Amino acid sequence: MQAQIVDLLRDLQRRYRLAYVFISHDLRVVRALANHLLVMKNGRVVEEGPARQVFDRPQHPYTQALLAAALNLEAVGNDIVSI
């Protein structure tokens, strides 16, 4: 069901040239939908940039920890958070 909704949102985005503000802890869905990301910790932006760049080369330790935890990669540092 989730994949169908993501496909529908992407189709609508392409068809009608829509922009979404999408807030989520589900990084797999974020990766499927986002062109640009803001990563926030405690209400502050800690990393920002094109989605591919942030996912492929995260710069901030918090972003690295989030991706490691969410995408089943090796955990980075001790600042792992629950998602």
PDB file of N, CA and C in Angstrom:
ATOM      1  N   MET A   1       0.818  -1.188   0.000  1.00  0.00           N
ATOM      2  CA  MET A   1       0.000   0.000   0.000  1.00  0.00           C
ATOM      3  C   MET A   1       0.865   1.258   0.000  1.00  0.00           C
ATOM      4  N   GLN A   2       1.904   1.258   0.845  1.00  0.00           N
ATOM      5  CA  GLN A   2       2.773   2.425   0.918  1.00  0.00           C
ATOM      6  C   GLN A   2       3.429   2.705  -0.435  1.00  0.00           C
ATOM      7  N   ALA A   3       3.879   1.663  -1.111  1.00  0.00           N
ATOM      8  CA  ALA A   3       4.524   1.838  -2.414  1.00  0.00           C
ATOM      9  C   ALA A   3       3.551   2.436  -3.426  1.00  0.00           C
ATOM     10  N   GLN A   4       2.305   2.041  -3.360  1.00  0.00           N
ATOM     11  CA  GLN A   4       1.290   2.586  -4.276  1.00  0.00           C
ATOM     12  C   GLN A   4       1.080   4.076  -4.025  1.00  0.00           C
ATOM     13  N   ILE A   5       1.059   4.467  -2.767  1.00  0.00           N
ATOM     14  CA  ILE A   5       0.880   5.884  -2.439  1.00  0.00           C
ATOM     15  C   ILE A   5       2.082   6.692  -2.902  1.00  0.00           C
ATOM     16  N   VAL A   6       3.286   6.169  -2.677  1.00  0.00           N
ATOM     17  CA  VAL A   6       4.493   6.856  -3.132  1.00  0.00           C
ATOM     18  C   VAL A   6       4.470   6.998  -4.650  1.00  0.00           C
ATOM     19  N   ASP A   7       4.101   5.947  -5.358  1.00  0.00           N
ATOM     20  CA  ASP A   7       4.009   6.014  -6.823  1.00  0.00           C
ATOM     21  C   ASP A   7       2.988   7.057  -7.260  1.00  0.00           C
ATOM     22  N   LEU A   8       1.846   7.105  -6.589  1.00  0.00           N
ATOM     23  CA  LEU A   8       0.816   8.091  -6.914  1.00  0.00           C
ATOM     24  C   LEU A   8       1.327   9.508  -6.682  1.00  0.00           C
ATOM     25  N   LEU A   9       1.978   9.747  -5.557  1.00  0.00           N
ATOM     26  CA  LEU A   9       2.519  11.075  -5.271  1.00  0.00           C
ATOM     27  C   LEU A   9       3.557  11.490  -6.312  1.00  0.00           C
ATOM     28  N   ARG A  10       4.434  10.568  -6.696  1.00  0.00           N
ATOM     29  CA  ARG A  10       5.441  10.887  -7.714  1.00  0.00           C
ATOM     30  C   ARG A  10       4.801  11.163  -9.058  1.00  0.00           C
ATOM     31  N   ASP A  11       3.776  10.387  -9.412  1.00  0.00           N
ATOM     32  CA  ASP A  11       3.072  10.614 -10.676  1.00  0.00           C
ATOM     33  C   ASP A  11       2.401  11.987 -10.688  1.00  0.00           C
ATOM     34  N   LEU A  12       1.710  12.326  -9.611  1.00  0.00           N
ATOM     35  CA  LEU A  12       1.062  13.633  -9.520  1.00  0.00           C
ATOM     36  C   LEU A  12       2.091  14.759  -9.558  1.00  0.00           C
ATOM     37  N   GLN A  13       3.226  14.542  -8.918  1.00  0.00           N
ATOM     38  CA  GLN A  13       4.289  15.539  -8.905  1.00  0.00           C
ATOM     39  C   GLN A  13       4.791  15.817 -10.323  1.00  0.00           C
ATOM     40  N   ARG A  14       5.019  14.748 -11.080  1.00  0.00           N
ATOM     41  CA  ARG A  14       5.488  14.914 -12.462  1.00  0.00           C
ATOM     42  C   ARG A  14       4.407  15.528 -13.349  1.00  0.00           C
ATOM     43  N   ARG A  15       3.212  15.005 -13.234  1.00  0.00           N
ATOM     44  CA  ARG A  15       2.114  15.424 -14.117  1.00  0.00           C
ATOM     45  C   ARG A  15       1.746  16.888 -13.916  1.00  0.00           C
ATOM     46  N   TYR A  16       1.678  17.338 -12.676  1.00  0.00           N
ATOM     47  CA  TYR A  16       1.209  18.688 -12.376  1.00  0.00           C
ATOM     48  C   TYR A  16       2.304  19.618 -11.865  1.00  0.00           C
ATOM     49  N   ARG A  17       3.559  19.143 -11.946  1.00  0.00           N
ATOM     50  CA  ARG A  17       4.706  19.951 -11.513  1.00  0.00           C
ATOM     51  C   ARG A  17       4.516  20.458 -10.086  1.00  0.00           C
ATOM     52  N   LEU A  18       4.147  19.539  -9.197  1.00  0.00           N
ATOM     53  CA  LEU A  18       3.879  19.860  -7.804  1.00  0.00           C
ATOM     54  C   LEU A  18       5.153  19.829  -6.973  1.00  0.00           C
ATOM     55  N   ALA A  19       5.136  20.606  -5.920  1.00  0.00           N
ATOM     56  CA  ALA A  19       6.176  20.548  -4.899  1.00  0.00           C
ATOM     57  C   ALA A  19       5.496  20.144  -3.597  1.00  0.00           C
ATOM     58  N   TYR A  20       6.136  19.271  -2.850  1.00  0.00           N
ATOM     59  CA  TYR A  20       5.607  18.832  -1.571  1.00  0.00           C
ATOM     60  C   TYR A  20       6.545  19.257  -0.459  1.00  0.00           C
ATOM     61  N   VAL A  21       5.976  19.569   0.680  1.00  0.00           N
ATOM     62  CA  VAL A  21       6.744  19.659   1.917  1.00  0.00           C
ATOM     63  C   VAL A  21       6.382  18.385   2.661  1.00  0.00           C
ATOM     64  N   PHE A  22       7.351  17.501   2.751  1.00  0.00           N
ATOM     65  CA  PHE A  22       7.115  16.159   3.273  1.00  0.00           C
ATOM     66  C   PHE A  22       7.969  15.976   4.515  1.00  0.00           C
ATOM     67  N   ILE A  23       7.332  15.757   5.652  1.00  0.00           N
ATOM     68  CA  ILE A  23       8.045  15.584   6.910  1.00  0.00           C
ATOM     69  C   ILE A  23       7.894  14.132   7.335  1.00  0.00           C
ATOM     70  N   SER A  24       9.017  13.450   7.513  1.00  0.00           N
ATOM     71  CA  SER A  24       8.941  12.031   7.819  1.00  0.00           C
ATOM     72  C   SER A  24      10.214  11.545   8.486  1.00  0.00           C
ATOM     73  N   HIS A  25      10.066  10.481   9.270  1.00  0.00           N
ATOM     74  CA  HIS A  25      11.215   9.757   9.800  1.00  0.00           C
ATOM     75  C   HIS A  25      11.485   8.505   8.964  1.00  0.00           C
ATOM     76  N   ASP A  26      10.620   8.229   8.005  1.00  0.00           N
ATOM     77  CA  ASP A  26      10.777   7.051   7.149  1.00  0.00           C
ATOM     78  C   ASP A  26      11.689   7.423   5.982  1.00  0.00           C
ATOM     79  N   LEU A  27      12.977   7.178   6.156  1.00  0.00           N
ATOM     80  CA  LEU A  27      13.946   7.642   5.173  1.00  0.00           C
ATOM     81  C   LEU A  27      13.863   6.909   3.842  1.00  0.00           C
ATOM     82  N   ARG A  28      13.304   5.728   3.830  1.00  0.00           N
ATOM     83  CA  ARG A  28      13.111   5.035   2.552  1.00  0.00           C
ATOM     84  C   ARG A  28      12.080   5.772   1.700  1.00  0.00           C
ATOM     85  N   VAL A  29      11.023   6.251   2.326  1.00  0.00           N
ATOM     86  CA  VAL A  29      10.013   7.028   1.603  1.00  0.00           C
ATOM     87  C   VAL A  29      10.586   8.385   1.206  1.00  0.00           C
ATOM     88  N   VAL A  30      11.321   9.006   2.111  1.00  0.00           N
ATOM     89  CA  VAL A  30      11.955  10.286   1.805  1.00  0.00           C
ATOM     90  C   VAL A  30      12.866  10.141   0.588  1.00  0.00           C
ATOM     91  N   ARG A  31      13.642   9.070   0.570  1.00  0.00           N
ATOM     92  CA  ARG A  31      14.552   8.843  -0.561  1.00  0.00           C
ATOM     93  C   ARG A  31      13.786   8.690  -1.874  1.00  0.00           C
ATOM     94  N   ALA A  32      12.620   8.072  -1.814  1.00  0.00           N
ATOM     95  CA  ALA A  32      11.817   7.864  -3.015  1.00  0.00           C
ATOM     96  C   ALA A  32      11.180   9.154  -3.521  1.00  0.00           C
ATOM     97  N   LEU A  33      10.895  10.096  -2.629  1.00  0.00           N
ATOM     98  CA  LEU A  33      10.142  11.287  -3.014  1.00  0.00           C
ATOM     99  C   LEU A  33      10.964  12.566  -3.133  1.00  0.00           C
ATOM    100  N   ALA A  34      11.991  12.703  -2.348  1.00  0.00           N
ATOM    101  CA  ALA A  34      12.637  14.011  -2.183  1.00  0.00           C
ATOM    102  C   ALA A  34      13.656  14.329  -3.258  1.00  0.00           C
ATOM    103  N   ASN A  35      13.670  15.595  -3.633  1.00  0.00           N
ATOM    104  CA  ASN A  35      14.730  16.151  -4.479  1.00  0.00           C
ATOM    105  C   ASN A  35      15.723  16.943  -3.639  1.00  0.00           C
ATOM    106  N   HIS A  36      15.231  17.503  -2.541  1.00  0.00           N
ATOM    107  CA  HIS A  36      16.037  18.355  -1.673  1.00  0.00           C
ATOM    108  C   HIS A  36      15.675  18.031  -0.231  1.00  0.00           C
ATOM    109  N   LEU A  37      16.667  17.997   0.661  1.00  0.00           N
ATOM    110  CA  LEU A  37      16.429  17.619   2.056  1.00  0.00           C
ATOM    111  C   LEU A  37      16.921  18.666   3.036  1.00  0.00           C
ATOM    112  N   LEU A  38      16.212  18.737   4.140  1.00  0.00           N
ATOM    113  CA  LEU A  38      16.677  19.417   5.342  1.00  0.00           C
ATOM    114  C   LEU A  38      16.675  18.368   6.438  1.00  0.00           C
ATOM    115  N   VAL A  39      17.789  18.200   7.118  1.00  0.00           N
ATOM    116  CA  VAL A  39      17.866  17.280   8.247  1.00  0.00           C
ATOM    117  C   VAL A  39      17.870  18.142   9.502  1.00  0.00           C
ATOM    118  N   MET A  40      16.929  17.836  10.403  1.00  0.00           N
ATOM    119  CA  MET A  40      16.801  18.641  11.610  1.00  0.00           C
ATOM    120  C   MET A  40      17.079  17.815  12.861  1.00  0.00           C
ATOM    121  N   LYS A  41      17.689  18.473  13.828  1.00  0.00           N
ATOM    122  CA  LYS A  41      17.921  17.878  15.138  1.00  0.00           C
ATOM    123  C   LYS A  41      17.563  18.932  16.176  1.00  0.00           C
ATOM    124  N   ASN A  42      16.670  18.584  17.085  1.00  0.00           N
ATOM    125  CA  ASN A  42      16.235  19.511  18.133  1.00  0.00           C
ATOM    126  C   ASN A  42      15.752  20.843  17.561  1.00  0.00           C
ATOM    127  N   GLY A  43      15.026  20.770  16.448  1.00  0.00           N
ATOM    128  CA  GLY A  43      14.432  21.966  15.862  1.00  0.00           C
ATOM    129  C   GLY A  43      15.373  22.833  15.051  1.00  0.00           C
ATOM    130  N   ARG A  44      16.590  22.366  14.835  1.00  0.00           N
ATOM    131  CA  ARG A  44      17.572  23.136  14.052  1.00  0.00           C
ATOM    132  C   ARG A  44      18.047  22.322  12.857  1.00  0.00           C
ATOM    133  N   VAL A  45      18.250  23.012  11.751  1.00  0.00           N
ATOM    134  CA  VAL A  45      18.761  22.352  10.553  1.00  0.00           C
ATOM    135  C   VAL A  45      20.235  22.054  10.768  1.00  0.00           C
ATOM    136  N   VAL A  46      20.610  20.772  10.602  1.00  0.00           N
ATOM    137  CA  VAL A  46      22.017  20.389  10.743  1.00  0.00           C
ATOM    138  C   VAL A  46      22.652  20.039   9.399  1.00  0.00           C
ATOM    139  N   GLU A  47      21.810  19.771   8.407  1.00  0.00           N
ATOM    140  CA  GLU A  47      22.332  19.479   7.066  1.00  0.00           C
ATOM    141  C   GLU A  47      21.250  19.771   6.045  1.00  0.00           C
ATOM    142  N   GLU A  48      21.671  20.232   4.891  1.00  0.00           N
ATOM    143  CA  GLU A  48      20.729  20.606   3.845  1.00  0.00           C
ATOM    144  C   GLU A  48      21.399  20.420   2.497  1.00  0.00           C
ATOM    145  N   GLY A  49      20.618  19.977   1.508  1.00  0.00           N
ATOM    146  CA  GLY A  49      21.176  19.851   0.177  1.00  0.00           C
ATOM    147  C   GLY A  49      20.345  18.947  -0.702  1.00  0.00           C
ATOM    148  N   PRO A  50      20.830  18.726  -1.921  1.00  0.00           N
ATOM    149  CA  PRO A  50      20.142  17.798  -2.819  1.00  0.00           C
ATOM    150  C   PRO A  50      20.051  16.419  -2.165  1.00  0.00           C
ATOM    151  N   ALA A  51      18.908  15.764  -2.338  1.00  0.00           N
ATOM    152  CA  ALA A  51      18.662  14.481  -1.668  1.00  0.00           C
ATOM    153  C   ALA A  51      19.755  13.469  -1.976  1.00  0.00           C
ATOM    154  N   ARG A  52      20.130  13.350  -3.227  1.00  0.00           N
ATOM    155  CA  ARG A  52      21.157  12.366  -3.595  1.00  0.00           C
ATOM    156  C   ARG A  52      22.466  12.628  -2.856  1.00  0.00           C
ATOM    157  N   GLN A  53      22.847  13.891  -2.771  1.00  0.00           N
ATOM    158  CA  GLN A  53      24.091  14.250  -2.084  1.00  0.00           C
ATOM    159  C   GLN A  53      24.013  13.919  -0.598  1.00  0.00           C
ATOM    160  N   VAL A  54      22.907  14.256   0.043  1.00  0.00           N
ATOM    161  CA  VAL A  54      22.767  13.996   1.480  1.00  0.00           C
ATOM    162  C   VAL A  54      22.744  12.496   1.750  1.00  0.00           C
ATOM    163  N   PHE A  55      22.044  11.728   0.920  1.00  0.00           N
ATOM    164  CA  PHE A  55      21.996  10.282   1.126  1.00  0.00           C
ATOM    165  C   PHE A  55      23.332   9.610   0.805  1.00  0.00           C
ATOM    166  N   ASP A  56      23.994  10.067  -0.253  1.00  0.00           N
ATOM    167  CA  ASP A  56      25.242   9.412  -0.669  1.00  0.00           C
ATOM    168  C   ASP A  56      26.464   9.857   0.122  1.00  0.00           C
ATOM    169  N   ARG A  57      26.477  11.123   0.552  1.00  0.00           N
ATOM    170  CA  ARG A  57      27.644  11.663   1.252  1.00  0.00           C
ATOM    171  C   ARG A  57      27.219  12.559   2.412  1.00  0.00           C
ATOM    172  N   PRO A  58      26.570  11.994   3.430  1.00  0.00           N
ATOM    173  CA  PRO A  58      26.148  12.827   4.564  1.00  0.00           C
ATOM    174  C   PRO A  58      27.364  13.426   5.258  1.00  0.00           C
ATOM    175  N   GLN A  59      27.257  14.706   5.592  1.00  0.00           N
ATOM    176  CA  GLN A  59      28.384  15.412   6.196  1.00  0.00           C
ATOM    177  C   GLN A  59      28.279  15.502   7.713  1.00  0.00           C
ATOM    178  N   HIS A  60      27.090  15.687   8.222  1.00  0.00           N
ATOM    179  CA  HIS A  60      26.913  15.888   9.666  1.00  0.00           C
ATOM    180  C   HIS A  60      26.819  14.539  10.379  1.00  0.00           C
ATOM    181  N   PRO A  61      27.447  14.406  11.539  1.00  0.00           N
ATOM    182  CA  PRO A  61      27.387  13.135  12.279  1.00  0.00           C
ATOM    183  C   PRO A  61      25.953  12.681  12.578  1.00  0.00           C
ATOM    184  N   TYR A  62      25.056  13.618  12.834  1.00  0.00           N
ATOM    185  CA  TYR A  62      23.668  13.258  13.105  1.00  0.00           C
ATOM    186  C   TYR A  62      23.022  12.624  11.871  1.00  0.00           C
ATOM    187  N   THR A  63      23.252  13.212  10.709  1.00  0.00           N
ATOM    188  CA  THR A  63      22.720  12.653   9.465  1.00  0.00           C
ATOM    189  C   THR A  63      23.312  11.273   9.215  1.00  0.00           C
ATOM    190  N   GLN A  64      24.601  11.128   9.451  1.00  0.00           N
ATOM    191  CA  GLN A  64      25.250   9.831   9.279  1.00  0.00           C
ATOM    192  C   GLN A  64      24.612   8.783  10.190  1.00  0.00           C
ATOM    193  N   ALA A  65      24.343   9.164  11.432  1.00  0.00           N
ATOM    194  CA  ALA A  65      23.732   8.237  12.383  1.00  0.00           C
ATOM    195  C   ALA A  65      22.310   7.880  11.977  1.00  0.00           C
ATOM    196  N   LEU A  66      21.541   8.869  11.535  1.00  0.00           N
ATOM    197  CA  LEU A  66      20.174   8.596  11.081  1.00  0.00           C
ATOM    198  C   LEU A  66      20.159   7.606   9.927  1.00  0.00           C
ATOM    199  N   LEU A  67      21.008   7.857   8.950  1.00  0.00           N
ATOM    200  CA  LEU A  67      21.053   6.980   7.788  1.00  0.00           C
ATOM    201  C   LEU A  67      21.525   5.587   8.165  1.00  0.00           C
ATOM    202  N   ALA A  68      22.512   5.511   9.023  1.00  0.00           N
ATOM    203  CA  ALA A  68      23.009   4.204   9.461  1.00  0.00           C
ATOM    204  C   ALA A  68      21.906   3.420  10.159  1.00  0.00           C
ATOM    205  N   ALA A  69      21.160   4.076  11.023  1.00  0.00           N
ATOM    206  CA  ALA A  69      20.096   3.401  11.768  1.00  0.00           C
ATOM    207  C   ALA A  69      18.928   3.037  10.863  1.00  0.00           C
ATOM    208  N   ALA A  70      18.539   3.940   9.988  1.00  0.00           N
ATOM    209  CA  ALA A  70      17.335   3.744   9.173  1.00  0.00           C
ATOM    210  C   ALA A  70      17.564   2.811   7.999  1.00  0.00           C
ATOM    211  N   LEU A  71      18.745   2.817   7.459  1.00  0.00           N
ATOM    212  CA  LEU A  71      19.010   2.048   6.246  1.00  0.00           C
ATOM    213  C   LEU A  71      19.840   0.806   6.526  1.00  0.00           C
ATOM    214  N   ASN A  72      19.937   0.421   7.794  1.00  0.00           N
ATOM    215  CA  ASN A  72      20.629  -0.793   8.209  1.00  0.00           C
ATOM    216  C   ASN A  72      22.097  -0.802   7.806  1.00  0.00           C
ATOM    217  N   LEU A  73      22.733   0.354   7.905  1.00  0.00           N
ATOM    218  CA  LEU A  73      24.161   0.450   7.653  1.00  0.00           C
ATOM    219  C   LEU A  73      24.869   0.355   8.990  1.00  0.00           C
ATOM    220  N   GLU A  74      26.173   0.263   8.959  1.00  0.00           N
ATOM    221  CA  GLU A  74      26.927   0.225  10.202  1.00  0.00           C
ATOM    222  C   GLU A  74      26.726   1.544  10.939  1.00  0.00           C
ATOM    223  N   ALA A  75      26.417   1.468  12.218  1.00  0.00           N
ATOM    224  CA  ALA A  75      26.162   2.662  13.023  1.00  0.00           C
ATOM    225  C   ALA A  75      27.412   3.537  13.075  1.00  0.00           C
ATOM    226  N   VAL A  76      27.179   4.847  13.045  1.00  0.00           N
ATOM    227  CA  VAL A  76      28.262   5.807  13.079  1.00  0.00           C
ATOM    228  C   VAL A  76      28.231   6.503  14.425  1.00  0.00           C
ATOM    229  N   GLY A  77      29.320   6.426  15.165  1.00  0.00           N
ATOM    230  CA  GLY A  77      29.413   7.122  16.442  1.00  0.00           C
ATOM    231  C   GLY A  77      28.447   6.597  17.481  1.00  0.00           C
ATOM    232  N   ASN A  78      28.294   7.339  18.559  1.00  0.00           N
ATOM    233  CA  ASN A  78      27.428   6.962  19.660  1.00  0.00           C
ATOM    234  C   ASN A  78      26.118   7.717  19.658  1.00  0.00           C
ATOM    235  N   ASP A  79      25.892   8.581  18.665  1.00  0.00           N
ATOM    236  CA  ASP A  79      24.717   9.437  18.644  1.00  0.00           C
ATOM    237  C   ASP A  79      23.596   8.821  17.799  1.00  0.00           C
ATOM    238  N   ILE A  80      23.308   7.536  18.020  1.00  0.00           N
ATOM    239  CA  ILE A  80      22.240   6.868  17.288  1.00  0.00           C
ATOM    240  C   ILE A  80      20.917   7.249  17.937  1.00  0.00           C
ATOM    241  N   VAL A  81      19.942   7.581  17.104  1.00  0.00           N
ATOM    242  CA  VAL A  81      18.634   7.969  17.608  1.00  0.00           C
ATOM    243  C   VAL A  81      17.601   6.964  17.133  1.00  0.00           C
ATOM    244  N   SER A  82      16.511   6.866  17.832  1.00  0.00           N
ATOM    245  CA  SER A  82      15.439   5.979  17.382  1.00  0.00           C
ATOM    246  C   SER A  82      14.593   6.709  16.367  1.00  0.00           C
ATOM    247  N   ILE A  83      14.173   5.992  15.375  1.00  0.00           N
ATOM    248  CA  ILE A  83      13.382   6.574  14.293  1.00  0.00           C
ATOM    249  C   ILE A  83      12.001   5.965  14.335  1.00  0.00           C
TER     250      ILE A  83
END
